[in-house]
Each structure stands twice: as structure tokens, then as C-alpha cells.
Amino acid sequence: MGPVAEQPPVGCSVWYENAEAGTEEVDEPFQRGTVVAHTEDSELVIRPDAGGKPLRFAATAIWRASAQAKNAEASTGVPDCAQMEWLNEPSLIDNLSRRFHSDEIYTYVGRTLLAINPYRPIAGLYDLSNMERYRGKAMGLLPPHVYAVADRARRMLISEGSSQSIVVSGEVRWSLFRFFFLRSH
């Protein structure tokens, strides 16, 4: 889903591309703002949430943003992106970033589990007691975790006799692979 084509109403939260993204000082590709006016030539006047002068954009150059992401309750993000008010690239990146910075490295998108490698240990994340919490529980009852996916696959295999597949994609360090996989075989 790309930028919106319709005119969001005044007061609506939106995302716009950060013109300074990729420079040494700025690494966020999108900035958040609020629609403050519509111009006669069908542009939107956006007040950046970070402050500064109002900016003008075509409606096709902005994405709708969830109002809930501004409140304190949403500071750790939404555990399942499929339940977000607006699922678009900037909202997804913002949600994953919020969760990552709260040590919530797992996030669902429906039944798909996204994981962001923290490159450091997170206390209690893989404890045996944590694994036991997920045993026999439906996905979504507890926070997103690889244990939930593994338990669901095991239960489906046993209860329905249906084959299960778990696709893992991304970067894998050879030293970890060698330690965990080759050691057990």
C-alpha cells in the first residue's frame, strides 16, 4: 500500500518522506506531521511533529499515520502489525523501531513472525520458564515470540497430522549456526 490519493482531513496525522534521510545527521526515512490546511492547488500543508516550518506536499506524497502511535501507551508499539490502523511502510518501520527499542524483538504480522536481531542478549528471552509459558497457548495470547510459532507448529502436527513448515530468512552468523546446529547433529 503506497501513499494516499485522497485528501486527509485537517488535524490528521501523516507521514512524509524525510528529504534529509541518508545524510550523516539523519537516518530516519520518514517524518511525522499533522495536516494543518489544504491549498487551492490540492496540496497539503503539514506541520512537522518535530517542529520547524510547515511543509507542502501533494496528497500522493504522504501516508496516513495512526493517531494511537502518539500516546504514551503505544510507546512500545503494537505486537501485531495486522491490527494497526494504517499498515504502510512508514507505520511498519515506526512500529518495529518502537518495539526494538523496548527490547521487544518479535512482532507479528498476522501469523507471520518478524524478528529483529538485537546483537546482544536480552535477559529471560530464551529461559526455560519462558518456553513453558508458551506451551499449549494459542498464538496471540502472549507477546510475539519464536516459542509461540514453534509450539503452534508442534500442536498442528500432532492434532491434525498436517505437515508444518517454518521459513527462517535473514542474516545468520556462521559461528552461531556452527555452534547450535552442528553441535547437536
N, C-alpha and C. Protein backbone atom coordinates (compact mmCIF):
# COMPACT_ATOMS: atom_id res chain seq x y z
N MET A 1 0.85 -1.16 0.00
CA MET A 1 0.00 0.00 0.00
C MET A 1 0.90 1.23 0.00
N GLY A 2 0.68 2.13 -0.93
CA GLY A 2 1.52 3.31 -1.05
C GLY A 2 0.87 4.53 -0.43
N PRO A 3 1.36 5.69 -0.83
CA PRO A 3 0.81 6.93 -0.30
C PRO A 3 -0.69 7.04 -0.61
N VAL A 4 -1.38 7.86 0.15
CA VAL A 4 -2.82 8.03 -0.05
C VAL A 4 -3.07 8.97 -1.21
N ALA A 5 -4.18 8.75 -1.92
CA ALA A 5 -4.54 9.60 -3.04
C ALA A 5 -5.59 10.63 -2.63
N GLU A 6 -6.36 10.35 -1.59
CA GLU A 6 -7.41 11.27 -1.16
C GLU A 6 -6.83 12.29 -0.19
N GLN A 7 -7.55 13.35 -0.01
CA GLN A 7 -7.11 14.43 0.89
C GLN A 7 -7.43 14.05 2.34
N PRO A 8 -6.43 13.80 3.17
CA PRO A 8 -6.71 13.57 4.59
C PRO A 8 -7.25 14.86 5.21
N PRO A 9 -8.12 14.75 6.18
CA PRO A 9 -8.70 15.96 6.79
C PRO A 9 -7.69 16.74 7.63
N VAL A 10 -7.98 18.00 7.83
CA VAL A 10 -7.16 18.84 8.70
C VAL A 10 -7.17 18.20 10.09
N GLY A 11 -5.99 18.16 10.73
CA GLY A 11 -5.84 17.55 12.05
C GLY A 11 -5.40 16.10 11.99
N CYS A 12 -5.36 15.52 10.79
CA CYS A 12 -4.98 14.12 10.60
C CYS A 12 -3.46 13.96 10.72
N SER A 13 -3.02 12.88 11.38
CA SER A 13 -1.59 12.54 11.46
C SER A 13 -1.17 11.88 10.16
N VAL A 14 -0.01 12.28 9.64
CA VAL A 14 0.50 11.72 8.40
C VAL A 14 2.01 11.51 8.50
N TRP A 15 2.53 10.71 7.58
CA TRP A 15 3.97 10.53 7.39
C TRP A 15 4.36 11.16 6.07
N TYR A 16 5.55 11.70 6.00
CA TYR A 16 6.08 12.20 4.73
C TYR A 16 7.55 11.81 4.65
N GLU A 17 8.06 11.72 3.41
CA GLU A 17 9.46 11.33 3.24
C GLU A 17 10.37 12.42 3.76
N ASN A 18 11.40 12.01 4.47
CA ASN A 18 12.38 12.93 5.03
C ASN A 18 13.40 13.25 3.95
N ALA A 19 13.40 14.49 3.49
CA ALA A 19 14.30 14.90 2.41
C ALA A 19 15.77 14.77 2.81
N GLU A 20 16.05 14.79 4.11
CA GLU A 20 17.44 14.71 4.58
C GLU A 20 17.86 13.30 4.97
N ALA A 21 16.99 12.32 4.75
CA ALA A 21 17.33 10.94 5.11
C ALA A 21 18.56 10.48 4.35
N GLY A 22 19.38 9.72 5.03
CA GLY A 22 20.59 9.19 4.42
C GLY A 22 21.81 10.06 4.62
N THR A 23 21.61 11.24 5.17
CA THR A 23 22.77 12.08 5.46
C THR A 23 23.39 11.61 6.77
N GLU A 24 24.55 12.13 7.08
CA GLU A 24 25.24 11.73 8.30
C GLU A 24 24.42 12.01 9.56
N GLU A 25 23.68 13.11 9.55
CA GLU A 25 22.93 13.51 10.74
C GLU A 25 21.56 12.85 10.84
N VAL A 26 20.98 12.42 9.72
CA VAL A 26 19.59 11.94 9.70
C VAL A 26 19.53 10.55 9.09
N ASP A 27 18.97 9.59 9.85
CA ASP A 27 18.82 8.25 9.29
C ASP A 27 17.36 7.81 9.20
N GLU A 28 16.41 8.61 9.68
CA GLU A 28 15.01 8.23 9.58
C GLU A 28 14.47 8.58 8.20
N PRO A 29 13.94 7.58 7.47
CA PRO A 29 13.45 7.86 6.11
C PRO A 29 12.14 8.63 6.08
N PHE A 30 11.38 8.61 7.17
CA PHE A 30 10.08 9.27 7.21
C PHE A 30 9.97 10.15 8.45
N GLN A 31 9.19 11.21 8.32
CA GLN A 31 8.90 12.09 9.45
C GLN A 31 7.39 12.14 9.62
N ARG A 32 6.98 12.45 10.83
CA ARG A 32 5.56 12.51 11.15
C ARG A 32 5.14 13.97 11.25
N GLY A 33 3.91 14.23 10.85
CA GLY A 33 3.37 15.58 10.95
C GLY A 33 1.86 15.55 11.02
N THR A 34 1.28 16.75 11.05
CA THR A 34 -0.17 16.90 11.13
C THR A 34 -0.63 17.82 10.01
N VAL A 35 -1.70 17.42 9.33
CA VAL A 35 -2.28 18.25 8.28
C VAL A 35 -2.89 19.48 8.94
N VAL A 36 -2.44 20.68 8.52
CA VAL A 36 -2.98 21.91 9.09
C VAL A 36 -3.84 22.69 8.09
N ALA A 37 -3.72 22.39 6.79
CA ALA A 37 -4.52 23.09 5.79
C ALA A 37 -4.45 22.37 4.45
N HIS A 38 -5.43 22.68 3.60
CA HIS A 38 -5.43 22.26 2.20
C HIS A 38 -5.26 23.51 1.35
N THR A 39 -4.45 23.43 0.31
CA THR A 39 -4.26 24.60 -0.55
C THR A 39 -5.21 24.52 -1.74
N GLU A 40 -5.32 25.62 -2.46
CA GLU A 40 -6.20 25.66 -3.63
C GLU A 40 -5.70 24.74 -4.74
N ASP A 41 -4.40 24.49 -4.79
CA ASP A 41 -3.85 23.61 -5.82
C ASP A 41 -3.73 22.16 -5.34
N SER A 42 -4.60 21.78 -4.40
CA SER A 42 -4.74 20.39 -3.91
C SER A 42 -3.52 19.86 -3.18
N GLU A 43 -2.71 20.73 -2.64
CA GLU A 43 -1.59 20.27 -1.81
C GLU A 43 -2.02 20.32 -0.35
N LEU A 44 -1.23 19.64 0.48
CA LEU A 44 -1.48 19.63 1.92
C LEU A 44 -0.39 20.43 2.61
N VAL A 45 -0.77 21.17 3.62
CA VAL A 45 0.20 21.87 4.44
C VAL A 45 0.37 21.04 5.70
N ILE A 46 1.59 20.58 5.95
CA ILE A 46 1.90 19.68 7.05
C ILE A 46 2.77 20.40 8.07
N ARG A 47 2.38 20.33 9.35
CA ARG A 47 3.22 20.85 10.43
C ARG A 47 4.01 19.66 10.98
N PRO A 48 5.34 19.70 10.84
CA PRO A 48 6.16 18.58 11.35
C PRO A 48 6.01 18.43 12.87
N ASP A 49 5.85 17.22 13.33
CA ASP A 49 5.76 16.98 14.78
C ASP A 49 7.06 17.36 15.49
N ALA A 50 8.18 17.29 14.77
CA ALA A 50 9.48 17.62 15.37
C ALA A 50 9.72 19.13 15.41
N GLY A 51 8.78 19.90 14.92
CA GLY A 51 8.95 21.36 14.90
C GLY A 51 9.47 21.82 13.57
N GLY A 52 9.54 23.12 13.41
CA GLY A 52 10.02 23.69 12.16
C GLY A 52 8.88 24.29 11.35
N LYS A 53 9.23 24.79 10.18
CA LYS A 53 8.26 25.44 9.31
C LYS A 53 7.30 24.42 8.71
N PRO A 54 6.03 24.82 8.49
CA PRO A 54 5.09 23.94 7.77
C PRO A 54 5.61 23.64 6.37
N LEU A 55 5.30 22.44 5.90
CA LEU A 55 5.76 21.97 4.59
C LEU A 55 4.55 21.70 3.70
N ARG A 56 4.75 21.74 2.39
CA ARG A 56 3.68 21.47 1.44
C ARG A 56 3.98 20.18 0.68
N PHE A 57 2.95 19.34 0.55
CA PHE A 57 3.08 18.07 -0.17
C PHE A 57 1.82 17.79 -0.97
N ALA A 58 1.98 17.06 -2.08
CA ALA A 58 0.82 16.52 -2.79
C ALA A 58 0.26 15.39 -1.94
N ALA A 59 -1.04 15.17 -2.04
CA ALA A 59 -1.66 14.09 -1.25
C ALA A 59 -1.05 12.74 -1.57
N THR A 60 -0.54 12.56 -2.79
CA THR A 60 0.07 11.28 -3.18
C THR A 60 1.46 11.09 -2.60
N ALA A 61 2.00 12.11 -1.91
CA ALA A 61 3.35 12.02 -1.34
C ALA A 61 3.34 11.82 0.17
N ILE A 62 2.17 11.55 0.74
CA ILE A 62 2.09 11.32 2.18
C ILE A 62 1.38 10.00 2.46
N TRP A 63 1.56 9.48 3.68
CA TRP A 63 0.91 8.27 4.13
C TRP A 63 0.14 8.60 5.41
N ARG A 64 -1.00 7.99 5.59
CA ARG A 64 -1.76 8.20 6.82
C ARG A 64 -1.00 7.57 7.99
N ALA A 65 -1.09 8.20 9.15
CA ALA A 65 -0.43 7.70 10.36
C ALA A 65 -1.49 7.47 11.42
N SER A 66 -1.28 6.51 12.25
CA SER A 66 -2.20 6.20 13.33
C SER A 66 -2.10 7.24 14.43
N ALA A 67 -3.24 7.71 14.89
CA ALA A 67 -3.25 8.66 16.00
C ALA A 67 -2.79 7.98 17.28
N GLN A 68 -3.00 6.67 17.39
CA GLN A 68 -2.65 5.95 18.62
C GLN A 68 -1.14 5.92 18.86
N ALA A 69 -0.35 6.05 17.82
CA ALA A 69 1.11 5.98 17.98
C ALA A 69 1.65 7.20 18.71
N LYS A 70 0.84 8.22 18.92
CA LYS A 70 1.31 9.42 19.62
C LYS A 70 1.16 9.29 21.13
N ASN A 71 0.28 8.42 21.59
CA ASN A 71 0.06 8.37 23.04
C ASN A 71 1.09 7.50 23.74
N ALA A 72 1.22 7.70 25.04
CA ALA A 72 2.25 7.02 25.82
C ALA A 72 2.06 5.51 25.83
N GLU A 73 0.81 5.04 25.76
CA GLU A 73 0.53 3.61 25.79
C GLU A 73 1.15 2.90 24.58
N ALA A 74 1.25 3.59 23.48
CA ALA A 74 1.78 2.99 22.26
C ALA A 74 3.30 3.15 22.14
N SER A 75 3.97 3.59 23.19
CA SER A 75 5.41 3.83 23.09
C SER A 75 6.20 2.55 22.82
N THR A 76 5.65 1.39 23.17
CA THR A 76 6.35 0.14 22.89
C THR A 76 5.86 -0.51 21.60
N GLY A 77 4.95 0.12 20.88
CA GLY A 77 4.48 -0.41 19.61
C GLY A 77 3.35 -1.41 19.76
N VAL A 78 2.86 -1.87 18.62
CA VAL A 78 1.74 -2.81 18.55
C VAL A 78 2.32 -4.21 18.31
N PRO A 79 1.92 -5.21 19.10
CA PRO A 79 2.51 -6.55 18.94
C PRO A 79 2.15 -7.24 17.63
N ASP A 80 1.02 -6.88 17.01
CA ASP A 80 0.61 -7.47 15.74
C ASP A 80 0.32 -6.35 14.76
N CYS A 81 1.17 -6.20 13.77
CA CYS A 81 1.02 -5.11 12.80
C CYS A 81 -0.29 -5.21 12.03
N ALA A 82 -0.87 -6.40 11.93
CA ALA A 82 -2.14 -6.55 11.23
C ALA A 82 -3.27 -5.81 11.94
N GLN A 83 -3.07 -5.43 13.19
CA GLN A 83 -4.08 -4.71 13.94
C GLN A 83 -3.84 -3.20 13.96
N MET A 84 -2.86 -2.75 13.19
CA MET A 84 -2.58 -1.32 13.13
C MET A 84 -3.67 -0.62 12.31
N GLU A 85 -3.97 0.60 12.68
CA GLU A 85 -4.98 1.39 11.98
C GLU A 85 -4.58 1.61 10.52
N TRP A 86 -3.33 1.95 10.29
CA TRP A 86 -2.81 2.19 8.95
C TRP A 86 -1.55 1.34 8.77
N LEU A 87 -1.62 0.35 7.89
CA LEU A 87 -0.45 -0.50 7.64
C LEU A 87 0.20 -0.03 6.34
N ASN A 88 1.27 0.72 6.49
CA ASN A 88 2.03 1.22 5.35
C ASN A 88 3.49 1.22 5.76
N GLU A 89 4.38 1.48 4.82
CA GLU A 89 5.81 1.38 5.09
C GLU A 89 6.27 2.22 6.28
N PRO A 90 5.93 3.52 6.33
CA PRO A 90 6.42 4.30 7.48
C PRO A 90 5.84 3.84 8.81
N SER A 91 4.57 3.42 8.83
CA SER A 91 3.97 2.95 10.08
C SER A 91 4.60 1.64 10.54
N LEU A 92 4.89 0.75 9.58
CA LEU A 92 5.53 -0.52 9.91
C LEU A 92 6.93 -0.29 10.47
N ILE A 93 7.71 0.57 9.82
CA ILE A 93 9.06 0.87 10.30
C ILE A 93 9.00 1.49 11.69
N ASP A 94 8.09 2.43 11.90
CA ASP A 94 7.95 3.08 13.21
C ASP A 94 7.59 2.06 14.28
N ASN A 95 6.65 1.16 13.98
CA ASN A 95 6.23 0.16 14.96
C ASN A 95 7.38 -0.79 15.31
N LEU A 96 8.09 -1.28 14.30
CA LEU A 96 9.21 -2.18 14.56
C LEU A 96 10.30 -1.48 15.36
N SER A 97 10.54 -0.22 15.06
CA SER A 97 11.54 0.55 15.80
C SER A 97 11.14 0.72 17.27
N ARG A 98 9.88 1.05 17.51
CA ARG A 98 9.40 1.21 18.89
C ARG A 98 9.57 -0.09 19.67
N ARG A 99 9.21 -1.21 19.05
CA ARG A 99 9.31 -2.49 19.72
C ARG A 99 10.78 -2.87 19.96
N PHE A 100 11.63 -2.66 18.97
CA PHE A 100 13.04 -2.98 19.09
C PHE A 100 13.67 -2.20 20.24
N HIS A 101 13.38 -0.92 20.34
CA HIS A 101 13.97 -0.09 21.39
C HIS A 101 13.38 -0.37 22.77
N SER A 102 12.33 -1.19 22.83
CA SER A 102 11.76 -1.63 24.10
C SER A 102 12.13 -3.09 24.37
N ASP A 103 13.14 -3.59 23.66
CA ASP A 103 13.59 -4.99 23.76
C ASP A 103 12.50 -5.99 23.39
N GLU A 104 11.54 -5.57 22.59
CA GLU A 104 10.51 -6.46 22.04
C GLU A 104 10.93 -6.75 20.61
N ILE A 105 11.78 -7.77 20.43
CA ILE A 105 12.36 -8.01 19.12
C ILE A 105 11.45 -8.82 18.20
N TYR A 106 10.38 -9.40 18.73
CA TYR A 106 9.44 -10.18 17.94
C TYR A 106 8.16 -9.39 17.73
N THR A 107 7.65 -9.42 16.50
CA THR A 107 6.40 -8.74 16.16
C THR A 107 5.65 -9.60 15.15
N TYR A 108 4.36 -9.76 15.34
CA TYR A 108 3.54 -10.49 14.37
C TYR A 108 3.06 -9.55 13.27
N VAL A 109 2.85 -10.13 12.09
CA VAL A 109 2.04 -9.55 11.03
C VAL A 109 1.09 -10.67 10.67
N GLY A 110 -0.06 -10.69 11.35
CA GLY A 110 -0.95 -11.83 11.25
C GLY A 110 -0.29 -13.03 11.90
N ARG A 111 -0.13 -14.12 11.13
CA ARG A 111 0.54 -15.31 11.68
C ARG A 111 2.02 -15.37 11.33
N THR A 112 2.52 -14.33 10.70
CA THR A 112 3.94 -14.26 10.36
C THR A 112 4.67 -13.57 11.50
N LEU A 113 5.79 -14.13 11.88
CA LEU A 113 6.60 -13.55 12.96
C LEU A 113 7.81 -12.85 12.36
N LEU A 114 7.96 -11.57 12.67
CA LEU A 114 9.15 -10.82 12.29
C LEU A 114 10.07 -10.76 13.50
N ALA A 115 11.36 -10.91 13.27
CA ALA A 115 12.34 -10.82 14.36
C ALA A 115 13.44 -9.87 13.92
N ILE A 116 13.84 -9.01 14.83
CA ILE A 116 14.96 -8.10 14.56
C ILE A 116 16.08 -8.47 15.53
N ASN A 117 17.22 -8.81 14.99
CA ASN A 117 18.34 -9.27 15.79
C ASN A 117 18.90 -8.11 16.62
N PRO A 118 18.89 -8.24 17.95
CA PRO A 118 19.43 -7.16 18.79
C PRO A 118 20.95 -7.20 18.89
N TYR A 119 21.58 -8.26 18.43
CA TYR A 119 23.03 -8.45 18.51
C TYR A 119 23.55 -8.32 19.94
N ARG A 120 22.72 -8.70 20.88
CA ARG A 120 23.12 -8.73 22.29
C ARG A 120 22.09 -9.59 23.02
N PRO A 121 22.46 -10.16 24.14
CA PRO A 121 21.49 -10.97 24.90
C PRO A 121 20.40 -10.10 25.51
N ILE A 122 19.20 -10.64 25.59
CA ILE A 122 18.09 -10.00 26.28
C ILE A 122 17.70 -10.94 27.42
N ALA A 123 17.83 -10.47 28.63
CA ALA A 123 17.60 -11.30 29.81
C ALA A 123 16.22 -11.95 29.78
N GLY A 124 16.21 -13.26 30.00
CA GLY A 124 14.97 -14.02 30.13
C GLY A 124 14.28 -14.38 28.83
N LEU A 125 14.76 -13.89 27.71
CA LEU A 125 14.07 -14.10 26.45
C LEU A 125 13.97 -15.58 26.07
N TYR A 126 15.01 -16.36 26.35
CA TYR A 126 15.02 -17.77 25.96
C TYR A 126 15.11 -18.71 27.16
N ASP A 127 14.72 -18.24 28.33
CA ASP A 127 14.72 -19.10 29.52
C ASP A 127 13.72 -20.25 29.37
N LEU A 128 14.00 -21.34 30.05
CA LEU A 128 13.10 -22.49 30.05
C LEU A 128 11.71 -22.10 30.57
N SER A 129 11.66 -21.26 31.59
CA SER A 129 10.37 -20.83 32.13
C SER A 129 9.57 -20.04 31.09
N ASN A 130 10.25 -19.27 30.27
CA ASN A 130 9.58 -18.52 29.21
C ASN A 130 9.03 -19.48 28.16
N MET A 131 9.81 -20.53 27.83
CA MET A 131 9.34 -21.52 26.88
C MET A 131 8.09 -22.21 27.40
N GLU A 132 8.08 -22.53 28.68
CA GLU A 132 6.91 -23.20 29.28
C GLU A 132 5.66 -22.31 29.23
N ARG A 133 5.83 -21.00 29.32
CA ARG A 133 4.68 -20.07 29.24
C ARG A 133 3.93 -20.24 27.93
N TYR A 134 4.64 -20.54 26.85
CA TYR A 134 4.04 -20.61 25.52
C TYR A 134 3.46 -21.99 25.20
N ARG A 135 3.80 -23.00 25.99
CA ARG A 135 3.36 -24.36 25.69
C ARG A 135 1.83 -24.46 25.77
N GLY A 136 1.23 -24.86 24.65
CA GLY A 136 -0.21 -25.08 24.60
C GLY A 136 -1.06 -23.82 24.47
N LYS A 137 -0.44 -22.67 24.33
CA LYS A 137 -1.19 -21.41 24.22
C LYS A 137 -1.37 -21.03 22.75
N ALA A 138 -2.51 -20.50 22.42
CA ALA A 138 -2.77 -20.04 21.05
C ALA A 138 -1.90 -18.82 20.76
N MET A 139 -1.48 -18.71 19.52
CA MET A 139 -0.70 -17.54 19.12
C MET A 139 -1.54 -16.29 19.34
N GLY A 140 -0.91 -15.27 19.89
CA GLY A 140 -1.62 -14.02 20.13
C GLY A 140 -2.06 -13.82 21.57
N LEU A 141 -2.10 -14.90 22.35
CA LEU A 141 -2.48 -14.77 23.76
C LEU A 141 -1.35 -14.18 24.59
N LEU A 142 -0.13 -14.47 24.18
CA LEU A 142 1.07 -13.94 24.85
C LEU A 142 1.82 -13.07 23.84
N PRO A 143 2.77 -12.29 24.30
CA PRO A 143 3.53 -11.46 23.36
C PRO A 143 4.18 -12.30 22.26
N PRO A 144 4.40 -11.72 21.09
CA PRO A 144 5.02 -12.47 19.98
C PRO A 144 6.36 -13.08 20.40
N HIS A 145 6.58 -14.31 19.96
CA HIS A 145 7.83 -15.00 20.31
C HIS A 145 7.99 -16.19 19.38
N VAL A 146 9.23 -16.58 19.13
CA VAL A 146 9.51 -17.75 18.31
C VAL A 146 8.96 -19.01 18.98
N TYR A 147 8.87 -19.02 20.31
CA TYR A 147 8.30 -20.17 21.02
C TYR A 147 6.84 -20.37 20.65
N ALA A 148 6.10 -19.31 20.42
CA ALA A 148 4.69 -19.42 20.04
C ALA A 148 4.57 -20.08 18.67
N VAL A 149 5.41 -19.69 17.74
CA VAL A 149 5.38 -20.27 16.40
C VAL A 149 5.74 -21.75 16.45
N ALA A 150 6.80 -22.08 17.18
CA ALA A 150 7.23 -23.48 17.30
C ALA A 150 6.17 -24.33 17.98
N ASP A 151 5.54 -23.83 19.03
CA ASP A 151 4.52 -24.59 19.73
C ASP A 151 3.29 -24.81 18.85
N ARG A 152 2.91 -23.80 18.10
CA ARG A 152 1.75 -23.95 17.20
C ARG A 152 2.04 -25.01 16.13
N ALA A 153 3.24 -24.98 15.56
CA ALA A 153 3.60 -25.97 14.54
C ALA A 153 3.58 -27.38 15.13
N ARG A 154 4.11 -27.53 16.35
CA ARG A 154 4.11 -28.84 17.00
C ARG A 154 2.69 -29.32 17.26
N ARG A 155 1.83 -28.43 17.77
CA ARG A 155 0.44 -28.82 18.07
C ARG A 155 -0.33 -29.17 16.80
N MET A 156 -0.12 -28.42 15.70
CA MET A 156 -0.80 -28.72 14.45
C MET A 156 -0.33 -30.05 13.88
N LEU A 157 0.93 -30.34 14.02
CA LEU A 157 1.47 -31.61 13.54
C LEU A 157 0.84 -32.77 14.29
N ILE A 158 0.72 -32.62 15.61
CA ILE A 158 0.16 -33.69 16.44
C ILE A 158 -1.35 -33.80 16.27
N SER A 159 -2.07 -32.68 16.36
CA SER A 159 -3.54 -32.74 16.35
C SER A 159 -4.13 -33.00 14.98
N GLU A 160 -3.56 -32.44 13.92
CA GLU A 160 -4.14 -32.59 12.59
C GLU A 160 -3.31 -33.48 11.68
N GLY A 161 -2.12 -33.84 12.13
CA GLY A 161 -1.25 -34.67 11.31
C GLY A 161 -0.82 -33.98 10.03
N SER A 162 -0.96 -32.66 10.01
CA SER A 162 -0.58 -31.93 8.80
C SER A 162 0.88 -31.49 8.88
N SER A 163 1.55 -31.57 7.73
CA SER A 163 2.94 -31.14 7.67
C SER A 163 3.04 -29.66 8.00
N GLN A 164 4.14 -29.29 8.62
CA GLN A 164 4.37 -27.90 9.01
C GLN A 164 5.69 -27.43 8.43
N SER A 165 5.72 -26.17 8.04
CA SER A 165 6.95 -25.55 7.54
C SER A 165 7.18 -24.25 8.29
N ILE A 166 8.40 -24.02 8.66
CA ILE A 166 8.79 -22.75 9.26
C ILE A 166 9.93 -22.21 8.42
N VAL A 167 9.71 -21.05 7.83
CA VAL A 167 10.72 -20.43 6.98
C VAL A 167 11.46 -19.40 7.80
N VAL A 168 12.77 -19.53 7.83
CA VAL A 168 13.63 -18.56 8.51
C VAL A 168 14.46 -17.90 7.44
N SER A 169 14.37 -16.59 7.36
CA SER A 169 15.08 -15.87 6.32
C SER A 169 15.83 -14.70 6.95
N GLY A 170 17.01 -14.44 6.48
CA GLY A 170 17.76 -13.31 7.00
C GLY A 170 19.20 -13.69 7.26
N GLU A 171 19.85 -12.82 7.99
CA GLU A 171 21.26 -12.99 8.26
C GLU A 171 21.48 -14.03 9.37
N VAL A 172 22.41 -14.94 9.14
CA VAL A 172 22.78 -15.92 10.15
C VAL A 172 24.30 -15.89 10.27
N ARG A 173 24.78 -15.75 11.46
CA ARG A 173 26.23 -15.79 11.68
C ARG A 173 26.70 -17.24 11.64
N TRP A 174 27.72 -17.52 10.87
CA TRP A 174 28.22 -18.87 10.73
C TRP A 174 28.64 -19.45 12.08
N SER A 175 29.24 -18.64 12.94
CA SER A 175 29.71 -19.15 14.22
C SER A 175 28.53 -19.63 15.08
N LEU A 176 27.41 -18.91 15.05
CA LEU A 176 26.24 -19.35 15.82
C LEU A 176 25.62 -20.59 15.20
N PHE A 177 25.51 -20.60 13.87
CA PHE A 177 24.97 -21.76 13.18
C PHE A 177 25.80 -23.00 13.52
N ARG A 178 27.10 -22.88 13.43
CA ARG A 178 28.00 -23.99 13.70
C ARG A 178 27.83 -24.47 15.14
N PHE A 179 27.72 -23.51 16.07
CA PHE A 179 27.62 -23.87 17.50
C PHE A 179 26.30 -24.58 17.80
N PHE A 180 25.19 -24.01 17.32
CA PHE A 180 23.88 -24.58 17.67
C PHE A 180 23.47 -25.74 16.81
N PHE A 181 23.74 -25.68 15.52
CA PHE A 181 23.25 -26.73 14.63
C PHE A 181 24.20 -27.92 14.55
N LEU A 182 25.45 -27.68 14.24
CA LEU A 182 26.37 -28.79 14.05
C LEU A 182 26.68 -29.50 15.36
N ARG A 183 26.62 -28.79 16.47
CA ARG A 183 26.87 -29.41 17.76
C ARG A 183 25.81 -30.45 18.12
N SER A 184 24.59 -30.23 17.67
CA SER A 184 23.51 -31.14 18.04
C SER A 184 23.34 -32.30 17.05
N HIS A 185 24.13 -32.31 15.98
CA HIS A 185 23.98 -33.40 14.99
C HIS A 185 25.23 -34.23 14.87
